[in-house]
Every structure is written in C-alpha cells, then in structure tokens.
C-alpha cells in the first residue's frame, strides 16, 4: 500500500465519521422538533379549554400549630 492509498483511506474514514455525526445531529434535531410540536399542541389544547387549568386543592392534612388561625 503506498502513501496515496493510505491517505485516501484516511480521508474516506474521516468522511464516514463526519457523515455519521451529521446523521446523528439531524436525527436529534428531528426528535426535538417532534417534541416541540407535541408541547405546542398540549399548550394549544390547554389554552383552548374554557375553564383553564384547575386550581390546586388544599391539603387534607392538619396544619402545624404555629400556622393554625385562632
């Protein structure tokens, strides 16, 4: 194997690594776009509800004495 073949092999390996990196990045971007779309749909549904999000319910456990109203 001469030096030009070795250099061509190195360049081919570098290109394969770069291609895989770009494919991984593109896949991650696609996944994040799908998550954003899902969250936007959830927000739109919540905003479209007439009564909105329910208020938090009071705790059923007794309050400590220092917080009790006399």
C-alpha atoms as a PDB file:
ATOM      1  CA  UNK A   1       0.000   0.000   0.000  1.00  0.00           C
ATOM      2  CA  UNK A   2       1.508   3.295  -0.979  1.00  0.00           C
ATOM      3  CA  UNK A   3       1.016   6.658   0.660  1.00  0.00           C
ATOM      4  CA  UNK A   4      -1.743   7.859  -1.692  1.00  0.00           C
ATOM      5  CA  UNK A   5      -3.878   4.812  -0.958  1.00  0.00           C
ATOM      6  CA  UNK A   6      -3.329   5.254   2.776  1.00  0.00           C
ATOM      7  CA  UNK A   7      -4.246   8.944   2.552  1.00  0.00           C
ATOM      8  CA  UNK A   8      -7.365   8.128   0.548  1.00  0.00           C
ATOM      9  CA  UNK A   9      -8.379   5.557   3.167  1.00  0.00           C
ATOM     10  CA  UNK A  10      -7.872   8.064   5.968  1.00  0.00           C
ATOM     11  CA  UNK A  11      -9.958  10.672   4.137  1.00  0.00           C
ATOM     12  CA  UNK A  12     -12.691   8.102   3.463  1.00  0.00           C
ATOM     13  CA  UNK A  13     -12.770   7.176   7.165  1.00  0.00           C
ATOM     14  CA  UNK A  14     -12.950  10.838   8.153  1.00  0.00           C
ATOM     15  CA  UNK A  15     -15.829  11.390   5.755  1.00  0.00           C
ATOM     16  CA  UNK A  16     -17.670   8.365   7.135  1.00  0.00           C
ATOM     17  CA  UNK A  17     -17.274   9.699  10.685  1.00  0.00           C
ATOM     18  CA  UNK A  18     -18.459  13.161   9.606  1.00  0.00           C
ATOM     19  CA  UNK A  19     -21.463  11.659   7.799  1.00  0.00           C
ATOM     20  CA  UNK A  20     -22.435   9.646  10.877  1.00  0.00           C
ATOM     21  CA  UNK A  21     -22.082  12.722  13.078  1.00  0.00           C
ATOM     22  CA  UNK A  22     -24.326  14.745  10.766  1.00  0.00           C
ATOM     23  CA  UNK A  23     -26.915  11.951  10.645  1.00  0.00           C
ATOM     24  CA  UNK A  24     -26.947  11.756  14.453  1.00  0.00           C
ATOM     25  CA  UNK A  25     -27.346  15.528  14.691  1.00  0.00           C
ATOM     26  CA  UNK A  26     -30.160  15.532  12.141  1.00  0.00           C
ATOM     27  CA  UNK A  27     -31.938  12.695  13.984  1.00  0.00           C
ATOM     28  CA  UNK A  28     -31.661  14.593  17.278  1.00  0.00           C
ATOM     29  CA  UNK A  29     -32.984  17.772  15.666  1.00  0.00           C
ATOM     30  CA  UNK A  30     -35.930  15.819  14.216  1.00  0.00           C
ATOM     31  CA  UNK A  31     -36.690  14.327  17.647  1.00  0.00           C
ATOM     32  CA  UNK A  32     -36.576  17.771  19.260  1.00  0.00           C
ATOM     33  CA  UNK A  33     -38.862  19.213  16.575  1.00  0.00           C
ATOM     34  CA  UNK A  34     -41.384  16.451  17.272  1.00  0.00           C
ATOM     35  CA  UNK A  35     -41.234  17.219  20.998  1.00  0.00           C
ATOM     36  CA  UNK A  36     -41.774  20.925  20.319  1.00  0.00           C
ATOM     37  CA  UNK A  37     -44.776  20.126  18.133  1.00  0.00           C
ATOM     38  CA  UNK A  38     -46.235  17.907  20.851  1.00  0.00           C
ATOM     39  CA  UNK A  39     -45.721  20.569  23.511  1.00  0.00           C
ATOM     40  CA  UNK A  40     -47.278  23.226  21.272  1.00  0.00           C
ATOM     41  CA  UNK A  41     -50.313  21.003  20.771  1.00  0.00           C
ATOM     42  CA  UNK A  42     -50.594  20.462  24.521  1.00  0.00           C
ATOM     43  CA  UNK A  43     -50.347  24.212  25.174  1.00  0.00           C
ATOM     44  CA  UNK A  44     -52.925  24.976  22.493  1.00  0.00           C
ATOM     45  CA  UNK A  45     -55.330  22.426  23.986  1.00  0.00           C
ATOM     46  CA  UNK A  46     -54.813  23.863  27.471  1.00  0.00           C
ATOM     47  CA  UNK A  47     -55.366  27.407  26.190  1.00  0.00           C
ATOM     48  CA  UNK A  48     -58.496  26.345  24.335  1.00  0.00           C
ATOM     49  CA  UNK A  49     -60.125  24.932  27.448  1.00  0.00           C
ATOM     50  CA  UNK A  50     -62.891  27.177  28.687  1.00  0.00           C
ATOM     51  CA  UNK A  51     -62.106  26.852  32.382  1.00  0.00           C
ATOM     52  CA  UNK A  52     -58.345  26.566  32.137  1.00  0.00           C
ATOM     53  CA  UNK A  53     -56.202  24.595  34.497  1.00  0.00           C
ATOM     54  CA  UNK A  54     -57.840  23.605  37.789  1.00  0.00           C
ATOM     55  CA  UNK A  55     -56.696  25.398  40.917  1.00  0.00           C
ATOM     56  CA  UNK A  56     -54.582  23.451  43.388  1.00  0.00           C
ATOM     57  CA  UNK A  57     -56.605  21.734  46.079  1.00  0.00           C
ATOM     58  CA  UNK A  58     -55.960  22.464  49.762  1.00  0.00           C
ATOM     59  CA  UNK A  59     -54.073  19.883  51.719  1.00  0.00           C
ATOM     60  CA  UNK A  60     -56.155  17.429  53.758  1.00  0.00           C
ATOM     61  CA  UNK A  61     -53.521  17.035  56.461  1.00  0.00           C
ATOM     62  CA  UNK A  62     -53.776  19.278  59.532  1.00  0.00           C
ATOM     63  CA  UNK A  63     -51.538  22.328  59.622  1.00  0.00           C
ATOM     64  CA  UNK A  64     -48.866  22.645  62.301  1.00  0.00           C
ATOM     65  CA  UNK A  65     -49.971  24.575  65.377  1.00  0.00           C
ATOM     66  CA  UNK A  66     -47.815  27.599  64.542  1.00  0.00           C
ATOM     67  CA  UNK A  67     -49.793  28.102  61.314  1.00  0.00           C
ATOM     68  CA  UNK A  68     -53.224  27.498  62.790  1.00  0.00           C
ATOM     69  CA  UNK A  69     -55.506  30.535  62.988  1.00  0.00           C
ATOM     70  CA  UNK A  70     -57.028  31.192  66.391  1.00  0.00           C
END
